[in-house]
Amino acid sequence: MIDLAGALLVLARRSLGPSRADWSAAMEIEFSFARADGRALAFAAGCLLAAWRELPQQEPGRFTILNHLWALGFLIPAAVYEFACVTRFPFLPIGDVRIFAALLPGSAQQLYFGPACNAAVPAMIASRLALGLLQLRLAWALVECDWASVTKLTALILSIAATLSIFTGVLLLGDPGIVQQATLLAAELTGIVLLARWHDRLPGLGA
């Protein structure tokens, strides 16, 4: 059975961060008494609300808010974009139909490249899926402030995206989406770098 109260308390303590370790420890002690009295869920929910009200009042809290917003509001949608390019979600007008059109008999790609195009398209689709999965993993690493993983994942994403751009530019006879994706990746990288530098300056959190 899922311990919802325990999960809420963990989230509340993580929201407070190291700068409020004393309050976090007090929450843990009082939670044991609340659980014994059958008030664990209400107590944990109250702790979470109190912690969230505290977040904007301190710099570490503001960092936490923006860090999560960047992961949820930018990296997760970037992953959805990559998946949409492959699956052609009916509610998103961004499916990369050119990848699938390249396999159709009589297409320009088949006329000029033929077997090479047929062999490359599955790899291009796999690359899109890999980019989506890596974006999800990057979002998790960013929330955890695991900067070593963030660096490795970002480098991997950039290398795959660059390779994919070359393939699509050649095999699909031009790719107008290259500029769009490059702009998104540049914005993504800029945001991550700024967050990493901010994290390093935070007392008790930075290196």
N, C-alpha and C. Protein backbone atom coordinates (compact mmCIF):
# COMPACT_ATOMS: atom_id res chain seq x y z
N MET A 1 0.85 -1.20 0.00
CA MET A 1 0.00 0.00 0.00
C MET A 1 0.89 1.25 0.00
N ILE A 2 0.53 2.23 -0.80
CA ILE A 2 1.32 3.46 -0.90
C ILE A 2 1.13 4.31 0.35
N ASP A 3 2.23 4.74 0.93
CA ASP A 3 2.20 5.61 2.10
C ASP A 3 2.12 7.05 1.62
N LEU A 4 0.91 7.53 1.36
CA LEU A 4 0.73 8.87 0.82
C LEU A 4 1.22 9.93 1.80
N ALA A 5 0.91 9.73 3.07
CA ALA A 5 1.33 10.71 4.08
C ALA A 5 2.85 10.80 4.14
N GLY A 6 3.50 9.65 4.11
CA GLY A 6 4.97 9.65 4.13
C GLY A 6 5.55 10.32 2.91
N ALA A 7 4.94 10.09 1.75
CA ALA A 7 5.42 10.71 0.52
C ALA A 7 5.27 12.22 0.57
N LEU A 8 4.14 12.70 1.11
CA LEU A 8 3.93 14.14 1.23
C LEU A 8 4.94 14.77 2.18
N LEU A 9 5.25 14.06 3.25
CA LEU A 9 6.22 14.60 4.20
C LEU A 9 7.62 14.68 3.57
N VAL A 10 7.98 13.65 2.82
CA VAL A 10 9.28 13.67 2.14
C VAL A 10 9.35 14.84 1.17
N LEU A 11 8.26 15.07 0.43
CA LEU A 11 8.23 16.20 -0.50
C LEU A 11 8.34 17.53 0.24
N ALA A 12 7.67 17.62 1.38
CA ALA A 12 7.73 18.84 2.18
C ALA A 12 9.15 19.10 2.67
N ARG A 13 9.82 18.05 3.14
CA ARG A 13 11.18 18.20 3.65
C ARG A 13 12.16 18.56 2.53
N ARG A 14 11.97 17.95 1.38
CA ARG A 14 12.83 18.27 0.24
C ARG A 14 12.60 19.71 -0.23
N SER A 15 11.36 20.18 -0.11
CA SER A 15 11.05 21.55 -0.53
C SER A 15 11.74 22.57 0.37
N LEU A 16 11.93 22.22 1.63
CA LEU A 16 12.58 23.14 2.55
C LEU A 16 14.06 23.30 2.26
N GLY A 17 14.71 22.21 1.86
CA GLY A 17 16.12 22.28 1.52
C GLY A 17 17.01 22.28 2.75
N PRO A 18 18.33 22.25 2.54
CA PRO A 18 19.29 22.18 3.65
C PRO A 18 19.25 23.40 4.57
N SER A 19 18.85 24.55 4.05
CA SER A 19 18.87 25.77 4.87
C SER A 19 17.86 25.72 6.00
N ARG A 20 16.85 24.88 5.89
CA ARG A 20 15.84 24.74 6.95
C ARG A 20 15.86 23.33 7.52
N ALA A 21 17.06 22.82 7.75
CA ALA A 21 17.21 21.46 8.26
C ALA A 21 16.57 21.30 9.64
N ASP A 22 16.61 22.36 10.45
CA ASP A 22 16.02 22.28 11.79
C ASP A 22 14.52 22.09 11.72
N TRP A 23 13.87 22.84 10.85
CA TRP A 23 12.42 22.72 10.67
C TRP A 23 12.09 21.34 10.10
N SER A 24 12.89 20.89 9.16
CA SER A 24 12.66 19.58 8.56
C SER A 24 12.75 18.47 9.59
N ALA A 25 13.73 18.56 10.48
CA ALA A 25 13.88 17.55 11.53
C ALA A 25 12.69 17.58 12.49
N ALA A 26 12.21 18.79 12.81
CA ALA A 26 11.05 18.91 13.69
C ALA A 26 9.81 18.30 13.04
N MET A 27 9.67 18.49 11.73
CA MET A 27 8.55 17.87 11.01
C MET A 27 8.57 16.36 11.16
N GLU A 28 9.75 15.79 11.02
CA GLU A 28 9.89 14.33 11.10
C GLU A 28 9.49 13.82 12.48
N ILE A 29 9.90 14.53 13.52
CA ILE A 29 9.57 14.10 14.88
C ILE A 29 8.07 14.22 15.13
N GLU A 30 7.50 15.35 14.76
CA GLU A 30 6.07 15.56 14.99
C GLU A 30 5.22 14.62 14.14
N PHE A 31 5.75 14.24 12.98
CA PHE A 31 5.01 13.34 12.10
C PHE A 31 4.79 11.98 12.75
N SER A 32 5.79 11.52 13.51
CA SER A 32 5.64 10.22 14.17
C SER A 32 4.50 10.25 15.19
N PHE A 33 4.36 11.37 15.90
CA PHE A 33 3.25 11.50 16.85
C PHE A 33 1.91 11.62 16.10
N ALA A 34 1.90 12.37 15.01
CA ALA A 34 0.67 12.51 14.23
C ALA A 34 0.23 11.16 13.66
N ARG A 35 1.18 10.35 13.23
CA ARG A 35 0.83 9.03 12.71
C ARG A 35 0.22 8.16 13.80
N ALA A 36 0.78 8.25 14.99
CA ALA A 36 0.25 7.47 16.11
C ALA A 36 -1.17 7.90 16.46
N ASP A 37 -1.48 9.18 16.25
CA ASP A 37 -2.82 9.69 16.55
C ASP A 37 -3.79 9.54 15.38
N GLY A 38 -3.31 9.00 14.25
CA GLY A 38 -4.17 8.84 13.09
C GLY A 38 -4.36 10.11 12.28
N ARG A 39 -3.47 11.08 12.45
CA ARG A 39 -3.56 12.35 11.73
C ARG A 39 -2.41 12.53 10.75
N ALA A 40 -1.82 11.44 10.31
CA ALA A 40 -0.60 11.52 9.50
C ALA A 40 -0.83 12.27 8.19
N LEU A 41 -1.92 11.96 7.49
CA LEU A 41 -2.15 12.57 6.19
C LEU A 41 -2.41 14.06 6.31
N ALA A 42 -3.25 14.45 7.25
CA ALA A 42 -3.56 15.87 7.44
C ALA A 42 -2.31 16.64 7.86
N PHE A 43 -1.51 16.04 8.74
CA PHE A 43 -0.30 16.71 9.20
C PHE A 43 0.70 16.88 8.05
N ALA A 44 0.89 15.82 7.27
CA ALA A 44 1.83 15.88 6.15
C ALA A 44 1.39 16.90 5.12
N ALA A 45 0.08 16.95 4.83
CA ALA A 45 -0.43 17.93 3.87
C ALA A 45 -0.21 19.35 4.38
N GLY A 46 -0.42 19.56 5.67
CA GLY A 46 -0.17 20.88 6.25
C GLY A 46 1.29 21.28 6.18
N CYS A 47 2.18 20.30 6.41
CA CYS A 47 3.62 20.58 6.31
C CYS A 47 4.00 20.96 4.88
N LEU A 48 3.41 20.27 3.93
CA LEU A 48 3.73 20.55 2.53
C LEU A 48 3.28 21.95 2.14
N LEU A 49 2.08 22.33 2.54
CA LEU A 49 1.58 23.68 2.24
C LEU A 49 2.45 24.75 2.90
N ALA A 50 2.85 24.49 4.14
CA ALA A 50 3.70 25.46 4.84
C ALA A 50 5.06 25.59 4.16
N ALA A 51 5.61 24.46 3.72
CA ALA A 51 6.90 24.49 3.04
C ALA A 51 6.81 25.25 1.73
N TRP A 52 5.73 25.04 1.00
CA TRP A 52 5.56 25.73 -0.28
C TRP A 52 5.34 27.23 -0.09
N ARG A 53 4.68 27.62 1.00
CA ARG A 53 4.53 29.05 1.27
C ARG A 53 5.88 29.69 1.61
N GLU A 54 6.78 28.88 2.15
CA GLU A 54 8.09 29.38 2.55
C GLU A 54 9.04 29.54 1.37
N LEU A 55 8.82 28.76 0.32
CA LEU A 55 9.78 28.70 -0.79
C LEU A 55 10.13 30.06 -1.40
N PRO A 56 9.14 30.89 -1.77
CA PRO A 56 9.50 32.15 -2.45
C PRO A 56 10.21 33.16 -1.56
N GLN A 57 10.24 32.94 -0.26
CA GLN A 57 10.79 33.93 0.65
C GLN A 57 12.30 33.82 0.81
N GLN A 58 12.91 32.74 0.30
CA GLN A 58 14.34 32.56 0.41
C GLN A 58 14.92 32.23 -0.96
N GLU A 59 16.19 32.58 -1.15
CA GLU A 59 16.81 32.35 -2.46
C GLU A 59 16.86 30.88 -2.84
N PRO A 60 17.23 29.96 -1.92
CA PRO A 60 17.19 28.54 -2.30
C PRO A 60 15.80 28.09 -2.73
N GLY A 61 14.77 28.66 -2.09
CA GLY A 61 13.41 28.31 -2.47
C GLY A 61 13.06 28.82 -3.85
N ARG A 62 13.50 30.03 -4.15
CA ARG A 62 13.24 30.58 -5.49
C ARG A 62 13.98 29.77 -6.55
N PHE A 63 15.19 29.33 -6.21
CA PHE A 63 15.91 28.46 -7.14
C PHE A 63 15.14 27.16 -7.38
N THR A 64 14.64 26.57 -6.31
CA THR A 64 13.89 25.32 -6.43
C THR A 64 12.67 25.50 -7.33
N ILE A 65 11.96 26.61 -7.15
CA ILE A 65 10.77 26.86 -7.97
C ILE A 65 11.14 26.97 -9.45
N LEU A 66 12.14 27.80 -9.76
CA LEU A 66 12.52 27.99 -11.16
C LEU A 66 13.13 26.72 -11.76
N ASN A 67 13.86 25.98 -10.94
CA ASN A 67 14.45 24.73 -11.41
C ASN A 67 13.36 23.74 -11.84
N HIS A 68 12.34 23.61 -11.00
CA HIS A 68 11.24 22.70 -11.33
C HIS A 68 10.42 23.23 -12.51
N LEU A 69 10.22 24.55 -12.55
CA LEU A 69 9.47 25.12 -13.67
C LEU A 69 10.19 24.89 -15.00
N TRP A 70 11.52 24.99 -14.99
CA TRP A 70 12.28 24.78 -16.23
C TRP A 70 12.18 23.32 -16.66
N ALA A 71 12.25 22.41 -15.68
CA ALA A 71 12.16 20.99 -16.02
C ALA A 71 10.76 20.63 -16.53
N LEU A 72 9.74 21.13 -15.83
CA LEU A 72 8.37 20.77 -16.19
C LEU A 72 7.84 21.58 -17.37
N GLY A 73 8.26 22.83 -17.46
CA GLY A 73 7.70 23.70 -18.49
C GLY A 73 8.49 23.76 -19.78
N PHE A 74 9.73 23.24 -19.77
CA PHE A 74 10.54 23.30 -20.98
C PHE A 74 11.05 21.93 -21.40
N LEU A 75 11.69 21.20 -20.48
CA LEU A 75 12.29 19.92 -20.85
C LEU A 75 11.23 18.85 -21.14
N ILE A 76 10.19 18.80 -20.33
CA ILE A 76 9.13 17.81 -20.58
C ILE A 76 8.43 18.09 -21.91
N PRO A 77 8.03 19.35 -22.20
CA PRO A 77 7.47 19.62 -23.53
C PRO A 77 8.44 19.32 -24.66
N ALA A 78 9.74 19.52 -24.43
CA ALA A 78 10.73 19.18 -25.47
C ALA A 78 10.71 17.68 -25.75
N ALA A 79 10.54 16.88 -24.70
CA ALA A 79 10.44 15.43 -24.89
C ALA A 79 9.17 15.07 -25.65
N VAL A 80 8.06 15.74 -25.30
CA VAL A 80 6.80 15.50 -26.01
C VAL A 80 6.94 15.85 -27.48
N TYR A 81 7.66 16.92 -27.77
CA TYR A 81 7.88 17.33 -29.16
C TYR A 81 8.60 16.23 -29.94
N GLU A 82 9.63 15.64 -29.33
CA GLU A 82 10.38 14.58 -30.02
C GLU A 82 9.49 13.37 -30.28
N PHE A 83 8.70 12.98 -29.28
CA PHE A 83 7.80 11.84 -29.47
C PHE A 83 6.74 12.15 -30.53
N ALA A 84 6.27 13.41 -30.55
CA ALA A 84 5.25 13.80 -31.52
C ALA A 84 5.79 13.73 -32.94
N CYS A 85 7.08 14.03 -33.11
CA CYS A 85 7.68 13.97 -34.44
C CYS A 85 7.67 12.55 -34.99
N VAL A 86 7.64 11.57 -34.11
CA VAL A 86 7.64 10.17 -34.54
C VAL A 86 6.23 9.61 -34.63
N THR A 87 5.42 9.87 -33.60
CA THR A 87 4.09 9.26 -33.54
C THR A 87 3.02 10.07 -34.25
N ARG A 88 3.33 11.34 -34.56
CA ARG A 88 2.35 12.21 -35.23
C ARG A 88 1.05 12.29 -34.43
N PHE A 89 1.18 12.74 -33.18
CA PHE A 89 0.00 12.89 -32.34
C PHE A 89 -1.06 13.71 -33.08
N PRO A 90 -2.31 13.26 -33.09
CA PRO A 90 -3.34 13.98 -33.85
C PRO A 90 -3.64 15.37 -33.30
N PHE A 91 -3.30 15.62 -32.02
CA PHE A 91 -3.61 16.93 -31.44
C PHE A 91 -2.41 17.86 -31.47
N LEU A 92 -1.31 17.43 -32.07
CA LEU A 92 -0.14 18.29 -32.19
C LEU A 92 0.25 18.39 -33.65
N PRO A 93 0.19 19.58 -34.24
CA PRO A 93 0.49 19.73 -35.67
C PRO A 93 1.98 19.80 -35.96
N ILE A 94 2.78 18.96 -35.29
CA ILE A 94 4.23 19.03 -35.48
C ILE A 94 4.82 17.69 -35.85
N GLY A 95 3.96 16.70 -36.16
CA GLY A 95 4.49 15.40 -36.54
C GLY A 95 5.37 15.50 -37.77
N ASP A 96 6.53 14.87 -37.73
CA ASP A 96 7.48 14.97 -38.83
C ASP A 96 7.08 13.99 -39.92
N VAL A 97 6.04 14.35 -40.70
CA VAL A 97 5.52 13.44 -41.72
C VAL A 97 6.54 13.20 -42.81
N ARG A 98 7.53 14.08 -42.94
CA ARG A 98 8.52 13.88 -44.00
C ARG A 98 9.32 12.60 -43.80
N ILE A 99 9.51 12.21 -42.53
CA ILE A 99 10.24 10.98 -42.28
C ILE A 99 9.50 9.80 -42.86
N PHE A 100 8.17 9.79 -42.69
CA PHE A 100 7.38 8.67 -43.20
C PHE A 100 7.15 8.81 -44.70
N ALA A 101 7.01 10.04 -45.18
CA ALA A 101 6.81 10.25 -46.61
C ALA A 101 8.02 9.80 -47.41
N ALA A 102 9.19 9.82 -46.78
CA ALA A 102 10.41 9.42 -47.48
C ALA A 102 10.39 7.94 -47.86
N LEU A 103 9.54 7.16 -47.20
CA LEU A 103 9.47 5.73 -47.48
C LEU A 103 8.50 5.40 -48.60
N LEU A 104 7.71 6.38 -49.04
CA LEU A 104 6.68 6.12 -50.03
C LEU A 104 7.29 5.97 -51.43
N PRO A 105 6.82 4.99 -52.20
CA PRO A 105 7.31 4.85 -53.58
C PRO A 105 7.00 6.12 -54.38
N GLY A 106 7.95 6.55 -55.18
CA GLY A 106 7.77 7.73 -56.00
C GLY A 106 8.15 9.03 -55.33
N SER A 107 8.50 8.99 -54.04
CA SER A 107 8.92 10.22 -53.37
C SER A 107 10.28 10.64 -53.88
N ALA A 108 10.59 11.93 -53.70
CA ALA A 108 11.88 12.43 -54.16
C ALA A 108 13.03 11.71 -53.48
N GLN A 109 12.83 11.38 -52.20
CA GLN A 109 13.88 10.68 -51.48
C GLN A 109 14.13 9.30 -52.08
N GLN A 110 13.05 8.59 -52.44
CA GLN A 110 13.21 7.27 -53.04
C GLN A 110 13.84 7.39 -54.42
N LEU A 111 13.52 8.46 -55.13
CA LEU A 111 14.05 8.63 -56.48
C LEU A 111 15.55 8.84 -56.46
N TYR A 112 16.03 9.64 -55.49
CA TYR A 112 17.45 10.00 -55.49
C TYR A 112 18.31 9.09 -54.61
N PHE A 113 17.74 8.60 -53.51
CA PHE A 113 18.56 7.86 -52.57
C PHE A 113 18.18 6.39 -52.44
N GLY A 114 16.90 6.07 -52.63
CA GLY A 114 16.45 4.69 -52.64
C GLY A 114 16.83 3.91 -51.40
N PRO A 115 17.65 2.83 -51.55
CA PRO A 115 17.99 1.96 -50.43
C PRO A 115 18.64 2.70 -49.26
N ALA A 116 19.45 3.71 -49.55
CA ALA A 116 20.10 4.46 -48.47
C ALA A 116 19.06 5.14 -47.58
N CYS A 117 18.02 5.68 -48.21
CA CYS A 117 16.96 6.34 -47.44
C CYS A 117 16.19 5.33 -46.61
N ASN A 118 15.89 4.18 -47.21
CA ASN A 118 15.16 3.13 -46.50
C ASN A 118 15.93 2.66 -45.27
N ALA A 119 17.25 2.60 -45.40
CA ALA A 119 18.07 2.15 -44.28
C ALA A 119 18.21 3.21 -43.20
N ALA A 120 18.17 4.47 -43.60
CA ALA A 120 18.43 5.55 -42.65
C ALA A 120 17.19 5.97 -41.87
N VAL A 121 16.01 5.85 -42.47
CA VAL A 121 14.79 6.34 -41.82
C VAL A 121 14.54 5.67 -40.47
N PRO A 122 14.67 4.33 -40.34
CA PRO A 122 14.48 3.73 -39.01
C PRO A 122 15.45 4.29 -37.97
N ALA A 123 16.69 4.54 -38.38
CA ALA A 123 17.66 5.12 -37.45
C ALA A 123 17.26 6.54 -37.04
N MET A 124 16.68 7.29 -37.98
CA MET A 124 16.22 8.63 -37.67
C MET A 124 15.06 8.61 -36.68
N ILE A 125 14.17 7.65 -36.87
CA ILE A 125 13.05 7.51 -35.94
C ILE A 125 13.57 7.12 -34.56
N ALA A 126 14.52 6.18 -34.52
CA ALA A 126 15.11 5.77 -33.24
C ALA A 126 15.81 6.94 -32.56
N SER A 127 16.44 7.79 -33.35
CA SER A 127 17.12 8.96 -32.78
C SER A 127 16.13 9.93 -32.15
N ARG A 128 14.98 10.12 -32.81
CA ARG A 128 13.94 10.98 -32.24
C ARG A 128 13.45 10.42 -30.90
N LEU A 129 13.22 9.11 -30.86
CA LEU A 129 12.77 8.48 -29.62
C LEU A 129 13.83 8.62 -28.53
N ALA A 130 15.09 8.42 -28.92
CA ALA A 130 16.18 8.55 -27.95
C ALA A 130 16.25 9.97 -27.40
N LEU A 131 16.07 10.96 -28.27
CA LEU A 131 16.08 12.35 -27.81
C LEU A 131 14.96 12.61 -26.80
N GLY A 132 13.78 12.06 -27.07
CA GLY A 132 12.67 12.24 -26.14
C GLY A 132 12.96 11.62 -24.79
N LEU A 133 13.49 10.40 -24.79
CA LEU A 133 13.81 9.73 -23.53
C LEU A 133 14.92 10.46 -22.78
N LEU A 134 15.91 10.94 -23.51
CA LEU A 134 17.00 11.67 -22.87
C LEU A 134 16.53 12.99 -22.28
N GLN A 135 15.57 13.64 -22.94
CA GLN A 135 15.02 14.88 -22.39
C GLN A 135 14.30 14.61 -21.07
N LEU A 136 13.58 13.49 -21.00
CA LEU A 136 12.91 13.13 -19.75
C LEU A 136 13.93 12.86 -18.65
N ARG A 137 14.98 12.12 -19.00
CA ARG A 137 16.03 11.83 -18.00
C ARG A 137 16.74 13.12 -17.58
N LEU A 138 16.92 14.03 -18.52
CA LEU A 138 17.56 15.31 -18.20
C LEU A 138 16.71 16.12 -17.24
N ALA A 139 15.40 16.09 -17.44
CA ALA A 139 14.50 16.81 -16.54
C ALA A 139 14.63 16.29 -15.11
N TRP A 140 14.72 14.96 -14.98
CA TRP A 140 14.86 14.36 -13.65
C TRP A 140 16.20 14.75 -13.02
N ALA A 141 17.27 14.68 -13.80
CA ALA A 141 18.60 15.03 -13.29
C ALA A 141 18.65 16.50 -12.88
N LEU A 142 17.97 17.35 -13.63
CA LEU A 142 17.95 18.78 -13.31
C LEU A 142 17.24 19.03 -11.98
N VAL A 143 16.10 18.37 -11.79
CA VAL A 143 15.36 18.52 -10.53
C VAL A 143 16.20 18.03 -9.36
N GLU A 144 16.96 16.96 -9.58
CA GLU A 144 17.81 16.41 -8.52
C GLU A 144 19.11 17.20 -8.34
N CYS A 145 19.35 18.18 -9.22
CA CYS A 145 20.61 18.95 -9.21
C CYS A 145 21.81 18.04 -9.34
N ASP A 146 21.66 16.99 -10.13
CA ASP A 146 22.76 16.07 -10.43
C ASP A 146 23.49 16.62 -11.64
N TRP A 147 24.40 17.55 -11.39
CA TRP A 147 25.01 18.30 -12.48
C TRP A 147 25.94 17.45 -13.34
N ALA A 148 26.54 16.41 -12.76
CA ALA A 148 27.37 15.52 -13.56
C ALA A 148 26.53 14.82 -14.62
N SER A 149 25.35 14.32 -14.21
CA SER A 149 24.46 13.67 -15.17
C SER A 149 23.89 14.68 -16.16
N VAL A 150 23.59 15.89 -15.68
CA VAL A 150 23.08 16.93 -16.57
C VAL A 150 24.08 17.22 -17.68
N THR A 151 25.36 17.31 -17.32
CA THR A 151 26.40 17.58 -18.31
C THR A 151 26.49 16.47 -19.34
N LYS A 152 26.49 15.22 -18.87
CA LYS A 152 26.60 14.08 -19.78
C LYS A 152 25.38 13.98 -20.70
N LEU A 153 24.20 14.16 -20.12
CA LEU A 153 22.97 14.05 -20.91
C LEU A 153 22.87 15.17 -21.93
N THR A 154 23.25 16.37 -21.53
CA THR A 154 23.20 17.50 -22.47
C THR A 154 24.14 17.28 -23.64
N ALA A 155 25.36 16.79 -23.35
CA ALA A 155 26.31 16.51 -24.43
C ALA A 155 25.78 15.44 -25.37
N LEU A 156 25.15 14.41 -24.80
CA LEU A 156 24.60 13.34 -25.62
C LEU A 156 23.44 13.84 -26.48
N ILE A 157 22.58 14.66 -25.90
CA ILE A 157 21.45 15.22 -26.65
C ILE A 157 21.95 16.08 -27.80
N LEU A 158 22.94 16.91 -27.54
CA LEU A 158 23.47 17.78 -28.60
C LEU A 158 24.11 16.97 -29.72
N SER A 159 24.82 15.91 -29.37
CA SER A 159 25.47 15.10 -30.41
C SER A 159 24.45 14.37 -31.26
N ILE A 160 23.41 13.81 -30.62
CA ILE A 160 22.37 13.11 -31.38
C ILE A 160 21.60 14.10 -32.26
N ALA A 161 21.28 15.27 -31.70
CA ALA A 161 20.53 16.28 -32.46
C ALA A 161 21.33 16.76 -33.66
N ALA A 162 22.64 16.94 -33.48
CA ALA A 162 23.48 17.38 -34.61
C ALA A 162 23.53 16.31 -35.69
N THR A 163 23.70 15.06 -35.28
CA THR A 163 23.73 13.96 -36.25
C THR A 163 22.40 13.84 -36.99
N LEU A 164 21.31 13.96 -36.24
CA LEU A 164 19.98 13.86 -36.84
C LEU A 164 19.74 14.99 -37.83
N SER A 165 20.22 16.18 -37.51
CA SER A 165 20.05 17.32 -38.41
C SER A 165 20.78 17.09 -39.73
N ILE A 166 21.96 16.49 -39.65
CA ILE A 166 22.72 16.20 -40.87
C ILE A 166 21.97 15.19 -41.73
N PHE A 167 21.48 14.13 -41.11
CA PHE A 167 20.76 13.10 -41.85
C PHE A 167 19.49 13.65 -42.48
N THR A 168 18.71 14.40 -41.70
CA THR A 168 17.45 14.92 -42.24
C THR A 168 17.71 15.95 -43.33
N GLY A 169 18.77 16.74 -43.16
CA GLY A 169 19.08 17.73 -44.18
C GLY A 169 19.46 17.12 -45.51
N VAL A 170 20.14 15.97 -45.47
CA VAL A 170 20.57 15.31 -46.70
C VAL A 170 19.49 14.40 -47.26
N LEU A 171 18.99 13.49 -46.43
CA LEU A 171 18.07 12.47 -46.94
C LEU A 171 16.67 13.01 -47.19
N LEU A 172 16.27 14.04 -46.47
CA LEU A 172 14.94 14.60 -46.68
C LEU A 172 14.98 15.83 -47.58
N LEU A 173 16.15 16.03 -48.20
CA LEU A 173 16.31 17.13 -49.16
C LEU A 173 15.98 18.48 -48.53
N GLY A 174 16.59 18.73 -47.40
CA GLY A 174 16.36 19.99 -46.70
C GLY A 174 15.42 19.80 -45.53
N ASP A 175 15.73 20.43 -44.43
CA ASP A 175 14.90 20.30 -43.23
C ASP A 175 14.67 21.68 -42.63
N PRO A 176 13.50 22.28 -42.89
CA PRO A 176 13.23 23.62 -42.34
C PRO A 176 13.13 23.63 -40.82
N GLY A 177 13.02 22.43 -40.21
CA GLY A 177 12.91 22.38 -38.75
C GLY A 177 14.24 22.43 -38.03
N ILE A 178 15.36 22.42 -38.79
CA ILE A 178 16.67 22.44 -38.16
C ILE A 178 16.86 23.71 -37.34
N VAL A 179 16.50 24.85 -37.91
CA VAL A 179 16.66 26.12 -37.21
C VAL A 179 15.80 26.15 -35.96
N GLN A 180 14.58 25.64 -36.06
CA GLN A 180 13.69 25.62 -34.90
C GLN A 180 14.27 24.77 -33.79
N GLN A 181 14.75 23.57 -34.13
CA GLN A 181 15.30 22.69 -33.11
C GLN A 181 16.59 23.26 -32.52
N ALA A 182 17.42 23.87 -33.36
CA ALA A 182 18.66 24.48 -32.87
C ALA A 182 18.35 25.61 -31.89
N THR A 183 17.31 26.39 -32.19
CA THR A 183 16.92 27.48 -31.29
C THR A 183 16.44 26.94 -29.95
N LEU A 184 15.63 25.88 -30.00
CA LEU A 184 15.13 25.28 -28.77
C LEU A 184 16.27 24.70 -27.93
N LEU A 185 17.21 24.02 -28.58
CA LEU A 185 18.34 23.44 -27.85
C LEU A 185 19.22 24.53 -27.25
N ALA A 186 19.40 25.64 -27.99
CA ALA A 186 20.20 26.75 -27.46
C ALA A 186 19.54 27.36 -26.23
N ALA A 187 18.22 27.54 -26.29
CA ALA A 187 17.49 28.07 -25.14
C ALA A 187 17.56 27.10 -23.96
N GLU A 188 17.42 25.82 -24.26
CA GLU A 188 17.50 24.80 -23.22
C GLU A 188 18.86 24.82 -22.53
N LEU A 189 19.92 24.85 -23.32
CA LEU A 189 21.27 24.86 -22.77
C LEU A 189 21.54 26.13 -21.97
N THR A 190 21.07 27.27 -22.46
CA THR A 190 21.26 28.53 -21.75
C THR A 190 20.59 28.49 -20.38
N GLY A 191 19.36 28.00 -20.34
CA GLY A 191 18.65 27.90 -19.07
C GLY A 191 19.36 26.99 -18.08
N ILE A 192 19.86 25.86 -18.56
CA ILE A 192 20.54 24.92 -17.68
C ILE A 192 21.83 25.52 -17.13
N VAL A 193 22.58 26.20 -17.99
CA VAL A 193 23.83 26.84 -17.55
C VAL A 193 23.56 27.90 -16.48
N LEU A 194 22.53 28.71 -16.69
CA LEU A 194 22.19 29.75 -15.72
C LEU A 194 21.76 29.13 -14.39
N LEU A 195 20.98 28.05 -14.45
CA LEU A 195 20.56 27.38 -13.22
C LEU A 195 21.74 26.77 -12.49
N ALA A 196 22.67 26.18 -13.23
CA ALA A 196 23.85 25.57 -12.60
C ALA A 196 24.70 26.63 -11.90
N ARG A 197 24.89 27.77 -12.55
CA ARG A 197 25.67 28.85 -11.93
C ARG A 197 24.98 29.40 -10.70
N TRP A 198 23.66 29.52 -10.77
CA TRP A 198 22.91 30.00 -9.62
C TRP A 198 23.05 29.02 -8.46
N HIS A 199 22.95 27.74 -8.76
CA HIS A 199 23.06 26.71 -7.74
C HIS A 199 24.42 26.78 -7.04
N ASP A 200 25.48 27.04 -7.81
CA ASP A 200 26.83 27.11 -7.23
C ASP A 200 26.97 28.29 -6.27
N ARG A 201 26.17 29.32 -6.46
CA ARG A 201 26.26 30.51 -5.61
C ARG A 201 25.42 30.40 -4.34
N LEU A 202 24.55 29.40 -4.27
CA LEU A 202 23.66 29.29 -3.12
C LEU A 202 24.41 28.81 -1.89
N PRO A 203 24.23 29.45 -0.74
CA PRO A 203 24.90 29.00 0.48
C PRO A 203 24.40 27.64 0.92
N GLY A 204 25.33 26.74 1.17
CA GLY A 204 24.98 25.40 1.63
C GLY A 204 24.60 24.45 0.52
N LEU A 205 24.51 24.95 -0.73
CA LEU A 205 24.13 24.09 -1.85
C LEU A 205 25.22 24.04 -2.90
N GLY A 206 25.86 25.17 -3.15
CA GLY A 206 26.88 25.21 -4.18
C GLY A 206 28.13 24.46 -3.78
N ALA A 207 29.04 24.35 -4.77
CA ALA A 207 30.28 23.62 -4.52
C ALA A 207 31.18 24.41 -3.57
